[in-house]
Amino acid sequence: MKQSKAAKHLTWLALIVVLAFCFYIPRSNATGEAILSIDPPTQAVAVGEIFNVSIRIDNLPSSNGATGFQIEVVWDPHVLTGINMSDVIFHSVTPESEWDNIWGIQNMVNNTGGKLAYAYTFQDSDRAKEGGYAPISGNHTLAQVTFKGARTGVSPLTFVLVNIGDANAQPIPYTAFNGAVTVGN
């Protein structure tokens, strides 16, 4: 039996509501660790629609903040097409006159594998500390990623690799919260 257009929209709406409750987790944890998340955690878009998601880092400790991040996120390349990714955190905390001290090791969107890779640090951490823009603490957007809905379906946005380093090149503990995108007609 063929569904009416209104019935299809109600089906997609119901799926979105269910996904929102399944994937929404508030940005907090009991351990006080840094929080890495996809923002918004769930999103509904149409086929062909271009949209953005942010990769967020919250609750970075002020006592020994971060000086480097390496993150990989995967998605279903049949459902989403990655368009580009831009660094936000390093370019927002570092004075423009010091941007030559930002070391963008990796900024890649791979649609064949449905994966993005982000790795940034400072070329000279001592210079960044002396300049007062490192280590990084608090709540920030790490990067903004632009996608396009490729075809109907649901795609998770899943962290598969995360390294957050402090000013002493030691790992910062974190909790990661993944996201999901529903692409409909």
Foldseek 3Di string as FASTA:
>chain_A
DDDDPVVQVVVVVVVQVVQCVVQDDDQDDDPLFKEWEKPPQEEEAAAFDKDKIFTKIFSADPVWGFFKKKWKKFKPLQFKDWDFKDFDLVVVLDPPVQVVQKDFPAGDQDSVRRMTIGIIGGNDLVVCVVVVSDDDGGIDTGMMIMMGGNDFDKMKTGIDDIFTATSVRDGGDYDYRIHMYGYHD
